[in-house]
Amino acid sequence: MEKVSFVTSDGITIEGNYWPGSNTGVLLLHMMPSTKQSWNNFAKILNENGFSVLAIDLRGHGESTKQGNKKLDFRKFSDAEHQSSLQDVEDGIQYLKKRGIEKTFISGASIGANLALIYQCRHPEIEKTVLLSAGLAYRGVLTEPAARMLRKNQYVFMAEGSSDISSSGTAGKLGSIIKNKETRTYDTAAHGTNLFAEQPALMKEITRWLKG
């Protein structure tokens, strides 16, 4: 694993962990509050299966707190500032392209899942996304409009806990819109990447789906 960083178009230094592999990559977007380290176990499985993997700290989280001389703290963000994290996704994709990645999938947890789906709907080259505990409207980051914009060649894997008050039922609602999807619901309140702790087999199942 390499420690890497890049600067977004709006001047924020994004810190990441990068596992080099093939020319197919996976960008990992964490939940709130969390950091890139929450993906470590999944990233290693992906990498062992040949993927290059980039896990980033979204703006205001973890080590991604610098915008010039300004210090960022997600706990003080407005909804608009949370929505601007979509720029981190864009520049993360561009970073991977500079590393020679020709195809990228995105996996997100919680608000990271919402960001992943929105980015996918705007970029037809993103064939697959993984959404762990997506919500309908985390901090104004809306998923239903994005789901309606997906194309026939785009696919989504959704997983959630049935007792998770933040996301329960979202997979069903989005699944009624998205044609190409896989959905998993577990009897748990675990949220985002915490699902992996209770359902470790899910990591390998998602990896197989991405490779398929």
Foldseek 3Di string as FASTA:
>chain_A
DDWDWDAFPQQWIKIKDKDDFDLEAEEEAEAPPDFQVLCVVLCVVLVVVGHIYIGIGQEQHDPRQDRPPGGHHVVPDALVRLVVSLRVVVVVVVVSVVVNRDAYEYEYFEVGLLSRLQVCLVDVRHAEYEYWLYAQQDSNSHRQVSLQSHDPRHAYEYEYECQQPRRHPVCVVSVVRHDHYHYYYHPDNDGTSSVCVVVVVVSVVVSVVVVD
